[in-house]
């Protein structure tokens, strides 16, 4: 049981920021942004390479987050300036990032121009053990896993608090208004194109931060680490909304964060019960299908019960 809880929080907390980033585009802006799979890998890859180069882990994590922000800006510019649909804009960015991520990871590999894996268990350029954000401060617990969970929790609380504060500002309210009704927002004098670009930038910055933390918890970054994260983020959002509700915007954000942890709890339990690893993506798809189908199933059950009562 302890292993299940440790694994749930160790991975679920970084994924909570992934869910928050996808929430920014999918729920707030009402845009399906597929670039997240590329920016998640981008954040992890760039942070990992900088850590191998003996850059301060906080600076490395920040640059990973900044790279995600710039990638989101590019998606927003493609969508708003070139008038390409949001779906295709995200696909274009994601496709381009696949090559960029390989080149970035190749910086840590002196024998090749590209690489598919950066290992953080080895030595840095100074032949010393690589320092991540998790072993650089606050080692207050005897077990390293507990320290990782505690630090991730602090980061998630801090980022979520800043994000909630941002949405209460004039810019944040304008961003939310753009997602609700662009025509009405423009009538109120809001530059909706700027809001879309900014929202996609912030959302992908959070996704890249999640990728950076994920790489540091797993002690590696790979070119495939972002595969399926869109499904994970969407499932986390939907599960959180279904279990914890969305009565207020604060409650909605908290539900999304908790949804990621609950989602990964289901995955960990499935693995513990013996589910082969190659079935995990199928489980991801089935989970999100079930959650999406619940409202329709409720309607069918309610109608069936009502007809039976009338009969």
Protein backbone atom coordinates (compact mmCIF):
# COMPACT_ATOMS: atom_id res chain seq x y z
CA UNK A 1 0.00 0.00 0.00
CA UNK A 2 2.85 2.39 0.83
CA UNK A 3 4.43 1.75 -2.56
CA UNK A 4 1.15 2.53 -4.32
CA UNK A 5 0.75 5.84 -2.48
CA UNK A 6 4.39 6.83 -3.06
CA UNK A 7 4.17 6.08 -6.77
CA UNK A 8 0.81 7.85 -7.01
CA UNK A 9 2.08 11.12 -5.52
CA UNK A 10 5.57 10.90 -7.02
CA UNK A 11 4.19 10.86 -10.56
CA UNK A 12 0.72 12.27 -9.98
CA UNK A 13 1.93 15.62 -8.64
CA UNK A 14 4.02 16.51 -11.73
CA UNK A 15 1.08 15.36 -13.85
CA UNK A 16 -1.16 17.74 -11.88
CA UNK A 17 0.69 20.64 -13.54
CA UNK A 18 0.23 18.93 -16.90
CA UNK A 19 -3.52 18.79 -16.25
CA UNK A 20 -3.51 22.46 -15.21
CA UNK A 21 -1.74 23.44 -18.44
CA UNK A 22 -4.19 21.50 -20.61
CA UNK A 23 -7.04 22.96 -18.54
CA UNK A 24 -5.78 26.40 -19.62
CA UNK A 25 -6.30 25.66 -23.31
CA UNK A 26 -9.06 23.05 -23.28
CA UNK A 27 -11.39 24.55 -20.67
CA UNK A 28 -10.45 28.22 -20.31
CA UNK A 29 -9.78 29.02 -23.98
CA UNK A 30 -11.93 26.20 -25.41
CA UNK A 31 -9.07 25.18 -27.73
CA UNK A 32 -7.83 21.64 -28.36
CA UNK A 33 -4.06 22.22 -28.29
CA UNK A 34 -2.16 19.14 -29.48
CA UNK A 35 1.27 20.75 -29.06
CA UNK A 36 1.32 19.56 -25.43
CA UNK A 37 3.01 16.25 -26.31
CA UNK A 38 5.92 18.18 -27.81
CA UNK A 39 6.19 20.80 -25.06
CA UNK A 40 6.08 18.18 -22.27
CA UNK A 41 9.11 16.49 -23.85
CA UNK A 42 10.72 19.87 -24.55
CA UNK A 43 10.60 20.87 -20.88
CA UNK A 44 12.04 17.56 -19.74
CA UNK A 45 14.71 17.38 -22.45
CA UNK A 46 16.02 20.93 -22.03
CA UNK A 47 16.07 20.70 -18.23
CA UNK A 48 17.87 17.34 -18.35
CA UNK A 49 20.54 18.62 -20.76
CA UNK A 50 21.16 21.72 -18.63
CA UNK A 51 21.47 19.55 -15.52
CA UNK A 52 24.06 17.39 -17.29
CA UNK A 53 25.89 20.63 -18.13
CA UNK A 54 25.93 21.41 -14.35
CA UNK A 55 23.45 24.29 -14.54
CA UNK A 56 21.64 25.15 -11.30
CA UNK A 57 18.53 22.90 -11.16
CA UNK A 58 16.19 25.83 -10.51
CA UNK A 59 17.58 27.70 -13.52
CA UNK A 60 17.39 24.53 -15.62
CA UNK A 61 13.76 24.00 -14.62
CA UNK A 62 12.94 27.64 -15.36
CA UNK A 63 14.47 27.45 -18.84
CA UNK A 64 12.50 24.28 -19.53
CA UNK A 65 9.35 26.14 -18.56
CA UNK A 66 10.36 29.17 -20.65
CA UNK A 67 10.93 26.96 -23.70
CA UNK A 68 7.40 25.61 -23.29
CA UNK A 69 6.05 29.15 -23.11
CA UNK A 70 7.77 30.08 -26.37
CA UNK A 71 6.45 26.92 -28.05
CA UNK A 72 2.93 27.84 -26.96
CA UNK A 73 3.42 31.35 -28.33
CA UNK A 74 4.40 29.84 -31.68
CA UNK A 75 1.23 27.73 -31.73
CA UNK A 76 -0.81 30.84 -30.91
CA UNK A 77 0.84 32.88 -33.67
CA UNK A 78 0.27 30.14 -36.24
CA UNK A 79 -3.39 29.99 -35.24
CA UNK A 80 -4.14 33.72 -34.97
CA UNK A 81 -1.84 35.26 -37.59
CA UNK A 82 -1.83 32.57 -40.27
CA UNK A 83 -5.51 31.73 -39.66
CA UNK A 84 -4.79 28.00 -39.38
CA UNK A 85 -7.17 26.04 -37.13
CA UNK A 86 -6.05 25.53 -33.54
CA UNK A 87 -6.00 21.76 -34.02
CA UNK A 88 -3.63 21.91 -37.01
CA UNK A 89 -1.53 24.64 -35.37
CA UNK A 90 -0.88 22.36 -32.41
CA UNK A 91 -0.04 19.43 -34.68
CA UNK A 92 2.45 21.57 -36.63
CA UNK A 93 4.19 22.70 -33.43
CA UNK A 94 4.21 19.19 -31.98
CA UNK A 95 5.70 17.74 -35.17
CA UNK A 96 8.42 20.38 -35.33
CA UNK A 97 9.27 19.92 -31.67
CA UNK A 98 9.96 16.23 -32.16
CA UNK A 99 13.08 17.05 -34.20
CA UNK A 100 14.03 19.98 -31.97
CA UNK A 101 13.86 17.76 -28.87
CA UNK A 102 16.18 15.20 -30.47
CA UNK A 103 18.70 17.96 -31.26
CA UNK A 104 18.47 19.37 -27.73
CA UNK A 105 19.09 15.97 -26.17
CA UNK A 106 22.00 15.49 -28.57
CA UNK A 107 23.82 18.35 -26.82
CA UNK A 108 24.38 15.98 -23.88
CA UNK A 109 25.76 13.32 -26.24
CA UNK A 110 29.26 14.15 -27.52
CA UNK A 111 29.22 11.30 -30.05
CA UNK A 112 26.08 12.32 -31.97
CA UNK A 113 24.18 15.34 -33.24
CA UNK A 114 20.99 13.98 -31.71
CA UNK A 115 19.89 11.62 -28.94
CA UNK A 116 16.70 9.93 -27.78
CA UNK A 117 17.60 9.70 -24.09
CA UNK A 118 19.33 11.81 -21.44
CA UNK A 119 20.24 9.89 -18.29
CA UNK A 120 20.28 11.86 -15.03
CA UNK A 121 21.71 8.99 -12.98
CA UNK A 122 25.21 9.52 -14.32
CA UNK A 123 27.79 12.27 -14.00
CA UNK A 124 27.69 15.86 -15.20
CA UNK A 125 30.38 17.62 -17.24
CA UNK A 126 32.42 18.14 -14.07
CA UNK A 127 32.36 14.40 -13.35
CA UNK A 128 30.12 14.92 -10.32
CA UNK A 129 26.72 13.44 -9.48
CA UNK A 130 23.94 15.30 -11.27
CA UNK A 131 21.97 17.58 -8.95
CA UNK A 132 18.24 17.85 -9.58
CA UNK A 133 15.70 20.11 -7.97
CA UNK A 134 14.81 17.22 -5.65
CA UNK A 135 18.22 16.70 -4.05
CA UNK A 136 19.32 20.32 -3.95
CA UNK A 137 17.32 21.44 -0.91
CA UNK A 138 14.80 20.48 1.79
CA UNK A 139 16.14 16.98 2.47
CA UNK A 140 14.06 16.71 5.64
CA UNK A 141 12.94 13.11 5.28
CA UNK A 142 15.10 10.00 5.54
CA UNK A 143 13.55 8.46 2.43
CA UNK A 144 14.29 10.30 -0.83
CA UNK A 145 10.85 9.48 -2.25
CA UNK A 146 9.22 11.42 0.60
CA UNK A 147 11.44 14.42 -0.14
CA UNK A 148 10.47 14.27 -3.81
CA UNK A 149 6.76 14.17 -2.94
CA UNK A 150 7.09 17.04 -0.47
CA UNK A 151 8.99 19.28 -2.90
CA UNK A 152 6.58 18.46 -5.76
CA UNK A 153 3.67 19.32 -3.47
CA UNK A 154 5.21 22.68 -2.60
CA UNK A 155 5.78 23.46 -6.28
CA UNK A 156 2.23 22.45 -7.26
CA UNK A 157 0.70 24.57 -4.47
CA UNK A 158 2.86 27.57 -5.40
CA UNK A 159 2.14 27.32 -9.14
CA UNK A 160 -1.59 26.72 -8.61
CA UNK A 161 -1.80 29.71 -6.24
CA UNK A 162 -0.03 32.00 -8.72
CA UNK A 163 -2.27 30.73 -11.54
CA UNK A 164 -5.42 31.34 -9.51
CA UNK A 165 -4.21 34.84 -8.62
CA UNK A 166 -3.47 35.50 -12.31
CA UNK A 167 -7.02 34.59 -13.32
CA UNK A 168 -8.30 37.19 -10.87
CA UNK A 169 -6.35 39.97 -12.58
CA UNK A 170 -7.69 42.07 -15.45
CA UNK A 171 -5.63 40.13 -17.98
CA UNK A 172 -6.73 36.81 -16.52
CA UNK A 173 -10.38 37.83 -16.61
CA UNK A 174 -9.94 38.96 -20.23
CA UNK A 175 -8.42 35.58 -21.07
CA UNK A 176 -11.39 33.78 -19.51
CA UNK A 177 -13.83 36.07 -21.34
CA UNK A 178 -12.09 35.24 -24.64
CA UNK A 179 -12.66 31.54 -24.03
CA UNK A 180 -16.31 32.03 -23.11
CA UNK A 181 -17.29 34.21 -26.09
CA UNK A 182 -14.75 35.79 -28.44
CA UNK A 183 -17.28 38.08 -30.12
CA UNK A 184 -18.49 39.46 -26.80
CA UNK A 185 -14.90 39.84 -25.59
CA UNK A 186 -13.97 41.85 -28.69
CA UNK A 187 -17.03 44.02 -28.17
CA UNK A 188 -15.65 44.83 -24.70
CA UNK A 189 -12.38 46.02 -26.26
CA UNK A 190 -10.35 42.85 -25.54
CA UNK A 191 -7.70 41.86 -28.08
CA UNK A 192 -8.72 38.21 -28.33
CA UNK A 193 -5.76 37.23 -30.53
CA UNK A 194 -3.32 38.42 -27.88
CA UNK A 195 -5.29 36.57 -25.20
CA UNK A 196 -5.22 33.33 -27.19
CA UNK A 197 -1.47 33.63 -27.78
CA UNK A 198 -0.84 34.43 -24.11
CA UNK A 199 -3.12 31.64 -22.88
CA UNK A 200 -1.46 29.02 -25.08
CA UNK A 201 1.94 30.27 -23.95
CA UNK A 202 1.09 30.00 -20.25
CA UNK A 203 -0.61 26.64 -20.70
CA UNK A 204 2.38 25.15 -22.49
CA UNK A 205 4.75 26.68 -19.93
CA UNK A 206 2.91 24.70 -17.23
CA UNK A 207 3.05 21.56 -19.39
CA UNK A 208 6.81 22.01 -19.94
CA UNK A 209 7.28 22.55 -16.19
CA UNK A 210 5.46 19.28 -15.63
CA UNK A 211 7.78 17.57 -18.13
CA UNK A 212 10.81 19.02 -16.37
CA UNK A 213 9.68 17.76 -12.97
CA UNK A 214 8.72 14.39 -14.44
CA UNK A 215 12.17 13.95 -15.99
CA UNK A 216 13.83 14.79 -12.68
CA UNK A 217 11.66 12.36 -10.71
CA UNK A 218 12.28 9.58 -13.24
CA UNK A 219 16.00 10.48 -13.54
CA UNK A 220 15.84 10.60 -17.34
CA UNK A 221 14.31 12.37 -20.31
CA UNK A 222 13.40 10.56 -23.52
CA UNK A 223 12.03 11.53 -26.91
CA UNK A 224 8.86 9.51 -26.23
CA UNK A 225 8.09 10.76 -22.73
CA UNK A 226 5.35 13.06 -24.07
CA UNK A 227 3.44 10.36 -25.94
CA UNK A 228 -0.09 10.13 -24.55
CA UNK A 229 0.12 13.12 -22.18
CA UNK A 230 -2.85 14.78 -23.89
CA UNK A 231 -5.04 11.82 -22.95
CA UNK A 232 -3.63 11.85 -19.42
CA UNK A 233 -4.37 15.56 -19.04
CA UNK A 234 -7.88 15.32 -20.46
CA UNK A 235 -8.70 12.28 -18.34
CA UNK A 236 -7.42 14.08 -15.23
CA UNK A 237 -9.62 17.08 -15.98
CA UNK A 238 -12.74 15.01 -16.61
CA UNK A 239 -12.20 12.69 -13.63
CA UNK A 240 -11.55 15.67 -11.34
CA UNK A 241 -14.67 17.47 -12.54
CA UNK A 242 -16.76 14.33 -12.16
CA UNK A 243 -15.60 13.52 -8.63
CA UNK A 244 -14.92 16.92 -7.05
CA UNK A 245 -17.14 19.23 -9.13
CA UNK A 246 -16.62 22.74 -10.50
CA UNK A 247 -18.90 24.94 -8.41
CA UNK A 248 -16.48 27.86 -8.37
CA UNK A 249 -13.36 28.60 -10.42
CA UNK A 250 -11.15 27.84 -7.41
CA UNK A 251 -12.95 24.54 -6.85
CA UNK A 252 -12.62 23.81 -10.59
CA UNK A 253 -8.83 24.28 -10.51
CA UNK A 254 -8.44 22.16 -7.39
CA UNK A 255 -10.58 19.44 -8.98
CA UNK A 256 -8.28 19.35 -12.00
CA UNK A 257 -5.19 18.99 -9.80
CA UNK A 258 -6.75 16.25 -7.69
CA UNK A 259 -8.05 14.54 -10.82
CA UNK A 260 -4.46 13.92 -11.99
CA UNK A 261 -3.61 12.21 -8.71
CA UNK A 262 -6.77 10.07 -8.77
CA UNK A 263 -6.12 9.18 -12.39
CA UNK A 264 -2.61 7.99 -11.66
CA UNK A 265 -3.85 6.07 -8.61
CA UNK A 266 -6.03 4.03 -10.98
CA UNK A 267 -3.03 3.41 -13.23
CA UNK A 268 -0.79 2.34 -10.34
CA UNK A 269 -3.42 -0.04 -8.98
CA UNK A 270 -3.87 -1.56 -12.45
CA UNK A 271 -0.12 -2.11 -12.75
CA UNK A 272 0.03 -3.64 -9.27
CA UNK A 273 -2.74 -6.04 -10.27
CA UNK A 274 -0.54 -7.27 -13.08
CA UNK A 275 -1.58 -5.25 -16.11
CA UNK A 276 1.22 -5.53 -18.72
CA UNK A 277 2.90 -2.21 -19.55
CA UNK A 278 1.96 -2.46 -23.23
CA UNK A 279 -1.72 -2.29 -22.24
CA UNK A 280 -1.35 1.02 -20.37
CA UNK A 281 -2.23 3.23 -23.36
CA UNK A 282 -5.35 1.11 -23.93
CA UNK A 283 -6.27 1.62 -20.28
CA UNK A 284 -5.78 5.38 -20.70
CA UNK A 285 -8.17 5.40 -23.66
CA UNK A 286 -10.78 3.24 -21.92
CA UNK A 287 -10.72 5.40 -18.80
CA UNK A 288 -11.38 8.62 -20.66
CA UNK A 289 -14.07 6.88 -22.76
CA UNK A 290 -15.84 5.64 -19.63
CA UNK A 291 -15.69 9.02 -17.92
CA UNK A 292 -16.98 10.82 -21.04
CA UNK A 293 -19.79 8.29 -21.41
CA UNK A 294 -21.02 8.56 -17.80
CA UNK A 295 -23.36 11.58 -18.40
CA UNK A 296 -25.00 9.84 -21.37
CA UNK A 297 -25.35 6.60 -19.41
CA UNK A 298 -27.01 8.52 -16.58
CA UNK A 299 -29.55 9.97 -19.02
CA UNK A 300 -30.34 6.53 -20.43
CA UNK A 301 -30.74 5.04 -16.95
CA UNK A 302 -32.89 7.97 -15.82
CA UNK A 303 -35.11 7.70 -18.91
CA UNK A 304 -35.41 3.95 -18.47
CA UNK A 305 -36.36 4.33 -14.82
CA UNK A 306 -38.89 7.03 -15.64
CA UNK A 307 -40.56 4.92 -18.34
CA UNK A 308 -40.73 1.97 -15.98
CA UNK A 309 -42.32 4.13 -13.26
CA UNK A 310 -44.92 5.52 -15.71
CA UNK A 311 -45.78 2.03 -16.87
